Amino acid sequence: MVRILKNLAEHLRSLRHMTATRLRTQEIEALVEDLGLTPESMGVMQDKVRRLSGEARNFSRQIEKNTQLIEAFQARIAQYREEIVELNAIVDLQRKSYVGITRQLAQAATGDADRTQNPAAGADPFLEVFNRELEEERRGGADEARHRLRHYLTHLDFLADRKKPKVADLGSEGGEWLKMLGEQGQAATGVFARETFAPTIDADGADIEVVIADPLTWLQGQKARSIDLVTAFQVIERLPFDRLVALLKEVQRVLKPGGKVILETPNPESLLVGAYKFWLEPERQRPLPPALMERLMHSLTFGSVEVIRLHPDGRSAMLRDRDGLPQDLCDLVAGFDDYAIIGERR
């Protein structure tokens, strides 16, 4: 009797499951009918599912590959960083070694040189290189230096009427002016106080000579009325004033009648130059206002003294156009960077 009851209970449970399954099947059939699904559309959907699954697997593999590439790239970056640290350490060692070597050279030169005969003797080689690098940085490269010097070619016309004119350039940085003279077929001598500042000139056979000597001493060794043109660009501001006067006296002596001297120097009429730009080169002694140089040239009996302001600072136009400041105030703040003063020997 117990077994019969158990079988009956199990049969009832099965009947309930079958009833629930039939009801669920009816619901699914109604849903399929509402969605308009057919065996054909179901097959299409299955194909799409399989295709999307394949694309998902491919995408997953691509992500894995990209992840590996990123990890390799990050490892390479870490390696580069380590190499940069090593290179910086080597550079620091070389810099320390360089400073030490130049200090020893300076000490040796100080012990051996007679400073009374050669003021440049015993100079620290580090300062020599440092000052040269500053000048090259300020010049902005040979092309820019040539562009700034091109204006002076218009002042060479008077040489065409002279027989074998002689030109002397007193230590103008970089040697671009000497090269430009050579390209014009003009013979010239460049006088440089230190060999480290003397350029290498290759002017296609032009008669260009480079001399290592103190410019004042060199001028004192020249015959009176023997030179047609003397030039010096960004030089006179490096001289003590008494030495500048002595130099110009010698220039006046060696120039032929009608010969000219062309000097270029920073223009302290611009506050930006006089208060800031001028002092970027520690070898410069003091700014020389145009009025001072003009007065000095007249006192030394140069005739036809002319002042030409050159190389305007672009900030002057910005102050005028953007801020509406008057032009004279703009020029006072950020005017011309340099000026040239040209004197003629009577």
Protein backbone atom coordinates (compact mmCIF):
# COMPACT_ATOMS: atom_id res chain seq x y z
CA MET A 1 0.00 0.00 0.00
CA VAL A 2 2.88 2.41 0.83
CA ARG A 3 4.52 1.67 -2.50
CA ILE A 4 1.30 2.46 -4.33
CA LEU A 5 1.03 5.80 -2.54
CA LYS A 6 4.66 6.68 -3.41
CA ASN A 7 4.08 5.83 -7.06
CA LEU A 8 0.97 7.94 -7.07
CA ALA A 9 2.79 10.95 -5.54
CA GLU A 10 5.57 10.62 -8.10
CA HIS A 11 3.03 10.41 -10.89
CA LEU A 12 1.34 13.59 -9.65
CA ARG A 13 4.65 15.43 -9.56
CA SER A 14 5.43 14.36 -13.11
CA LEU A 15 1.96 15.47 -14.18
CA ARG A 16 2.49 18.89 -12.60
CA HIS A 17 5.89 19.26 -14.38
CA MET A 18 4.37 18.28 -17.70
CA THR A 19 1.54 20.77 -17.20
CA ALA A 20 4.03 23.56 -16.33
CA THR A 21 6.18 22.65 -19.34
CA ARG A 22 3.16 22.67 -21.64
CA LEU A 23 2.11 26.10 -20.33
CA ARG A 24 5.69 27.46 -20.81
CA THR A 25 5.81 26.01 -24.31
CA GLN A 26 2.53 27.72 -25.13
CA GLU A 27 3.92 31.03 -23.86
CA ILE A 28 7.08 30.65 -26.00
CA GLU A 29 5.01 29.71 -29.04
CA ALA A 30 2.84 32.78 -28.50
CA LEU A 31 5.95 34.94 -28.14
CA VAL A 32 7.51 33.48 -31.30
CA GLU A 33 4.24 34.07 -33.14
CA ASP A 34 4.12 37.68 -31.87
CA LEU A 35 7.76 38.25 -33.02
CA GLY A 36 7.10 36.68 -36.38
CA LEU A 37 9.99 34.23 -35.95
CA THR A 38 10.27 31.35 -38.36
CA PRO A 39 12.75 28.49 -38.61
CA GLU A 40 14.42 30.32 -41.48
CA SER A 41 14.80 33.55 -39.50
CA MET A 42 16.05 31.61 -36.51
CA GLY A 43 18.72 30.08 -38.72
CA VAL A 44 19.76 33.52 -39.93
CA MET A 45 19.99 34.72 -36.35
CA GLN A 46 22.09 31.74 -35.40
CA ASP A 47 24.45 32.48 -38.31
CA LYS A 48 24.77 36.08 -37.13
CA VAL A 49 25.44 34.91 -33.58
CA ARG A 50 28.15 32.54 -34.85
CA ARG A 51 29.70 35.33 -36.98
CA LEU A 52 29.61 37.82 -34.10
CA SER A 53 31.16 35.20 -31.83
CA GLY A 54 33.97 34.70 -34.33
CA GLU A 55 34.52 38.44 -34.61
CA ALA A 56 34.54 38.70 -30.83
CA ARG A 57 37.22 36.00 -30.64
CA ASN A 58 39.30 37.78 -33.31
CA PHE A 59 38.88 41.09 -31.47
CA SER A 60 39.92 39.43 -28.23
CA ARG A 61 43.05 38.03 -29.91
CA GLN A 62 43.82 41.49 -31.36
CA ILE A 63 43.45 43.05 -27.92
CA GLU A 64 45.81 40.45 -26.53
CA LYS A 65 48.32 41.16 -29.31
CA ASN A 66 48.07 44.94 -28.78
CA THR A 67 48.51 44.42 -25.07
CA GLN A 68 51.72 42.54 -25.78
CA LEU A 69 52.91 45.35 -28.05
CA ILE A 70 52.11 47.96 -25.40
CA GLU A 71 53.97 45.95 -22.79
CA ALA A 72 56.97 45.65 -25.14
CA PHE A 73 56.82 49.39 -25.88
CA GLN A 74 56.68 50.21 -22.17
CA ALA A 75 59.66 47.94 -21.58
CA ARG A 76 61.58 49.73 -24.37
CA ILE A 77 60.72 53.13 -22.85
CA ALA A 78 61.97 51.94 -19.47
CA GLN A 79 65.20 50.79 -21.16
CA TYR A 80 65.61 54.16 -22.89
CA ARG A 81 65.09 55.94 -19.58
CA GLU A 82 67.82 53.86 -18.01
CA GLU A 83 70.13 54.64 -20.93
CA ILE A 84 69.34 58.37 -20.63
CA VAL A 85 70.23 58.27 -16.94
CA GLU A 86 73.53 56.57 -17.84
CA LEU A 87 74.26 59.11 -20.60
CA ASN A 88 73.50 62.01 -18.26
CA ALA A 89 75.91 60.54 -15.76
CA ILE A 90 78.59 60.28 -18.47
CA VAL A 91 77.94 63.89 -19.56
CA ASP A 92 78.26 65.05 -15.96
CA LEU A 93 81.56 63.23 -15.62
CA GLN A 94 82.83 64.72 -18.88
CA ARG A 95 81.72 68.21 -17.82
CA LYS A 96 83.49 67.84 -14.48
CA SER A 97 86.57 66.54 -16.27
CA TYR A 98 86.45 69.44 -18.75
CA VAL A 99 86.15 72.02 -15.99
CA GLY A 100 89.04 70.41 -14.15
CA ILE A 101 91.24 70.32 -17.24
CA THR A 102 90.53 73.96 -18.12
CA ARG A 103 91.27 74.95 -14.52
CA GLN A 104 94.65 73.21 -14.75
CA LEU A 105 95.37 74.87 -18.09
CA ALA A 106 94.49 78.27 -16.63
CA GLN A 107 96.76 77.68 -13.65
CA ALA A 108 99.60 76.60 -15.93
CA ALA A 109 99.11 79.63 -18.18
CA THR A 110 99.01 81.92 -15.16
CA GLY A 111 102.30 80.58 -13.95
CA ASP A 112 104.07 80.85 -17.31
CA ALA A 113 102.59 83.93 -18.99
CA ASP A 114 103.75 87.49 -18.60
CA ARG A 115 100.45 89.31 -18.11
CA THR A 116 102.05 92.73 -18.45
CA GLN A 117 102.95 92.02 -22.08
CA ASN A 118 99.89 89.96 -22.99
CA PRO A 119 96.73 90.73 -20.97
CA ALA A 120 94.92 87.77 -22.54
CA ALA A 121 97.60 85.31 -21.42
CA GLY A 122 96.52 83.03 -18.63
CA ALA A 123 92.82 83.46 -19.35
CA ASP A 124 90.66 80.58 -18.19
CA PRO A 125 90.01 78.32 -21.24
CA PHE A 126 86.56 77.56 -19.87
CA LEU A 127 85.65 81.25 -20.12
CA GLU A 128 87.06 81.34 -23.64
CA VAL A 129 84.71 78.57 -24.75
CA PHE A 130 81.79 79.88 -22.70
CA ASN A 131 82.02 83.38 -24.19
CA ARG A 132 82.36 81.97 -27.70
CA GLU A 133 79.24 79.84 -27.23
CA LEU A 134 77.32 82.87 -25.95
CA GLU A 135 78.28 84.89 -29.02
CA GLU A 136 77.33 82.12 -31.42
CA GLU A 137 73.98 81.68 -29.68
CA ARG A 138 73.26 85.42 -29.85
CA ARG A 139 74.21 85.63 -33.52
CA GLY A 140 71.66 82.92 -34.34
CA GLY A 141 73.76 81.15 -36.96
CA ALA A 142 75.71 82.19 -40.05
CA ASP A 143 72.65 82.86 -42.23
CA GLU A 144 71.09 85.26 -39.74
CA ALA A 145 74.44 87.00 -39.17
CA ARG A 146 74.88 87.50 -42.93
CA HIS A 147 71.37 88.88 -43.18
CA ARG A 148 72.13 91.43 -40.47
CA LEU A 149 75.42 92.42 -42.14
CA ARG A 150 74.08 92.70 -45.69
CA HIS A 151 73.11 96.34 -45.08
CA TYR A 152 76.77 97.34 -44.86
CA LEU A 153 77.57 96.19 -48.39
CA THR A 154 75.88 99.39 -49.60
CA HIS A 155 78.63 101.37 -47.86
CA LEU A 156 81.42 99.79 -49.93
CA ASP A 157 80.68 101.69 -53.13
CA PHE A 158 83.37 104.30 -52.44
CA LEU A 159 86.02 101.55 -52.63
CA ALA A 160 85.35 101.07 -56.35
CA ASP A 161 87.12 104.38 -57.12
CA ARG A 162 90.25 103.43 -55.18
CA LYS A 163 93.27 101.52 -56.38
CA LYS A 164 93.68 98.21 -54.56
CA PRO A 165 91.68 99.32 -51.52
CA LYS A 166 92.63 97.84 -48.19
CA VAL A 167 90.03 96.85 -45.61
CA ALA A 168 90.66 95.88 -41.99
CA ASP A 169 88.05 94.24 -39.77
CA LEU A 170 88.74 94.35 -36.05
CA GLY A 171 87.54 91.12 -34.53
CA SER A 172 83.98 90.97 -35.82
CA GLU A 173 82.48 87.73 -34.53
CA GLY A 174 82.00 84.67 -36.68
CA GLY A 175 83.96 85.90 -39.68
CA GLU A 176 80.85 86.26 -41.84
CA TRP A 177 81.74 89.85 -42.74
CA LEU A 178 85.18 88.76 -43.96
CA LYS A 179 83.58 86.01 -46.02
CA MET A 180 81.14 88.49 -47.54
CA LEU A 181 84.03 90.81 -48.42
CA GLY A 182 85.80 87.92 -50.10
CA GLU A 183 82.68 87.11 -52.11
CA GLN A 184 82.71 90.74 -53.29
CA GLY A 185 86.29 90.28 -54.47
CA GLN A 186 87.55 92.66 -51.80
CA ALA A 187 90.92 92.09 -50.12
CA ALA A 188 90.67 92.34 -46.35
CA THR A 189 92.48 91.55 -43.10
CA GLY A 190 90.67 90.24 -40.04
CA VAL A 191 92.37 90.98 -36.72
CA PHE A 192 91.35 88.78 -33.78
CA ALA A 193 92.69 89.09 -30.26
CA ARG A 194 92.33 85.37 -29.55
CA GLU A 195 92.72 82.36 -31.79
CA THR A 196 89.54 80.78 -30.43
CA PHE A 197 87.56 83.68 -31.92
CA ALA A 198 89.30 83.62 -35.31
CA PRO A 199 87.27 82.08 -38.15
CA THR A 200 88.46 79.77 -40.89
CA ILE A 201 88.06 81.64 -44.16
CA ASP A 202 87.50 79.90 -47.49
CA ALA A 203 86.63 82.67 -49.92
CA ASP A 204 87.42 80.98 -53.25
CA GLY A 205 90.84 82.50 -53.66
CA ALA A 206 89.95 85.99 -52.43
CA ASP A 207 92.73 87.87 -50.64
CA ILE A 208 91.49 87.43 -47.07
CA GLU A 209 94.03 87.34 -44.25
CA VAL A 210 93.38 86.38 -40.62
CA VAL A 211 95.76 87.79 -38.02
CA ILE A 212 95.89 86.84 -34.34
CA ALA A 213 96.84 90.05 -32.54
CA ASP A 214 95.47 92.70 -30.24
CA PRO A 215 93.58 95.10 -32.58
CA LEU A 216 95.06 98.23 -30.97
CA THR A 217 98.59 96.85 -31.15
CA TRP A 218 98.04 95.80 -34.77
CA LEU A 219 96.78 99.26 -35.74
CA GLN A 220 99.79 100.86 -34.07
CA GLY A 221 101.99 98.78 -36.37
CA GLN A 222 100.30 100.02 -39.58
CA LYS A 223 101.51 102.97 -41.63
CA ALA A 224 99.61 106.24 -41.44
CA ARG A 225 97.04 106.72 -44.22
CA SER A 226 97.37 103.11 -45.40
CA ILE A 227 93.86 101.67 -44.98
CA ASP A 228 90.67 102.58 -46.84
CA LEU A 229 88.05 101.04 -44.54
CA VAL A 230 88.06 99.86 -40.92
CA THR A 231 85.09 97.88 -39.57
CA ALA A 232 84.21 96.49 -36.15
CA PHE A 233 80.85 94.88 -35.42
CA GLN A 234 79.85 94.23 -31.80
CA VAL A 235 83.38 94.96 -30.60
CA ILE A 236 83.76 98.48 -29.16
CA GLU A 237 81.37 97.85 -26.25
CA ARG A 238 83.87 95.24 -24.96
CA LEU A 239 86.63 97.81 -24.48
CA PRO A 240 87.27 100.09 -21.50
CA PHE A 241 86.52 103.64 -22.58
CA ASP A 242 90.15 104.82 -22.50
CA ARG A 243 91.16 101.87 -24.68
CA LEU A 244 88.29 102.64 -27.08
CA VAL A 245 89.54 106.22 -27.41
CA ALA A 246 93.07 104.96 -28.09
CA LEU A 247 91.72 102.55 -30.71
CA LEU A 248 89.76 105.27 -32.54
CA LYS A 249 92.79 107.57 -32.50
CA GLU A 250 94.75 104.85 -34.29
CA VAL A 251 91.89 104.25 -36.72
CA GLN A 252 91.87 107.97 -37.54
CA ARG A 253 95.64 107.84 -38.09
CA VAL A 254 95.74 104.79 -40.40
CA LEU A 255 92.76 105.76 -42.59
CA LYS A 256 93.45 107.32 -45.95
CA PRO A 257 91.77 110.68 -46.65
CA GLY A 258 88.18 109.92 -47.51
CA GLY A 259 88.48 106.51 -45.86
CA LYS A 260 85.75 105.34 -43.54
CA VAL A 261 85.24 103.55 -40.25
CA ILE A 262 82.05 101.53 -39.61
CA LEU A 263 81.26 100.53 -36.03
CA GLU A 264 78.23 98.57 -34.84
CA THR A 265 77.24 98.24 -31.19
CA PRO A 266 74.10 97.51 -29.11
CA ASN A 267 71.69 100.42 -28.90
CA PRO A 268 70.98 101.42 -25.26
CA GLU A 269 68.30 103.90 -26.42
CA SER A 270 66.07 100.82 -26.17
CA LEU A 271 65.39 100.08 -22.51
CA LEU A 272 65.13 96.38 -23.32
CA VAL A 273 68.67 96.46 -24.75
CA GLY A 274 70.27 98.75 -22.18
CA ALA A 275 68.75 97.04 -19.15
CA TYR A 276 68.70 93.41 -20.28
CA LYS A 277 69.96 92.25 -23.69
CA PHE A 278 73.30 94.04 -23.44
CA TRP A 279 74.27 92.19 -20.27
CA LEU A 280 73.71 88.71 -21.70
CA GLU A 281 77.39 88.69 -22.72
CA PRO A 282 79.65 89.15 -19.69
CA GLU A 283 82.63 90.39 -21.74
CA ARG A 284 80.78 93.60 -22.58
CA GLN A 285 82.02 96.54 -20.53
CA ARG A 286 79.32 99.21 -20.82
CA PRO A 287 76.63 100.38 -23.26
CA LEU A 288 77.67 103.23 -25.55
CA PRO A 289 74.79 105.64 -26.35
CA PRO A 290 74.75 106.97 -29.93
CA ALA A 291 75.04 110.57 -28.72
CA LEU A 292 78.22 109.70 -26.81
CA MET A 293 79.84 107.97 -29.78
CA GLU A 294 78.81 110.74 -32.15
CA ARG A 295 80.36 113.35 -29.86
CA LEU A 296 83.54 111.27 -29.51
CA MET A 297 83.89 110.83 -33.28
CA HIS A 298 83.54 114.55 -33.87
CA SER A 299 86.11 115.29 -31.15
CA LEU A 300 88.54 112.93 -32.89
CA THR A 301 88.06 115.03 -36.08
CA PHE A 302 86.13 112.42 -38.05
CA GLY A 303 83.95 114.12 -40.65
CA SER A 304 80.45 113.25 -41.92
CA VAL A 305 79.57 111.21 -38.84
CA GLU A 306 76.35 109.28 -39.44
CA VAL A 307 74.28 107.20 -37.00
CA ILE A 308 72.05 104.44 -38.42
CA ARG A 309 69.70 102.51 -36.14
CA LEU A 310 69.33 98.87 -37.13
CA HIS A 311 67.56 95.60 -36.32
CA PRO A 312 64.19 96.62 -34.81
CA ASP A 313 62.74 94.51 -32.02
CA GLY A 314 59.39 93.07 -33.10
CA ARG A 315 57.87 93.84 -29.72
CA SER A 316 57.77 97.53 -30.58
CA ALA A 317 55.13 96.88 -33.26
CA MET A 318 53.26 94.58 -30.87
CA LEU A 319 53.10 97.28 -28.20
CA ARG A 320 51.84 99.75 -30.80
CA ASP A 321 49.25 97.54 -32.53
CA ARG A 322 48.04 95.46 -29.59
CA ASP A 323 48.33 97.91 -26.71
CA GLY A 324 47.87 101.17 -28.59
CA LEU A 325 51.03 102.83 -27.25
CA PRO A 326 52.56 105.79 -29.13
CA GLN A 327 55.39 104.84 -31.49
CA ASP A 328 58.02 106.90 -29.65
CA LEU A 329 57.15 105.13 -26.39
CA CYS A 330 57.24 101.73 -28.13
CA ASP A 331 60.72 102.51 -29.47
CA LEU A 332 61.86 103.64 -26.04
CA VAL A 333 60.78 100.32 -24.50
CA ALA A 334 61.77 97.93 -27.31
CA GLY A 335 63.27 99.86 -30.18
CA PHE A 336 66.25 99.10 -32.41
CA ASP A 337 68.64 96.47 -31.04
CA ASP A 338 71.78 97.98 -32.59
CA TYR A 339 73.10 101.08 -34.27
CA ALA A 340 75.97 101.75 -36.65
CA ILE A 341 78.10 104.86 -36.54
CA ILE A 342 80.03 105.71 -39.71
CA GLY A 343 82.80 108.28 -39.74
CA GLU A 344 84.90 109.57 -42.62
CA ARG A 345 88.56 110.60 -42.42
CA ARG A 346 88.94 114.22 -43.48
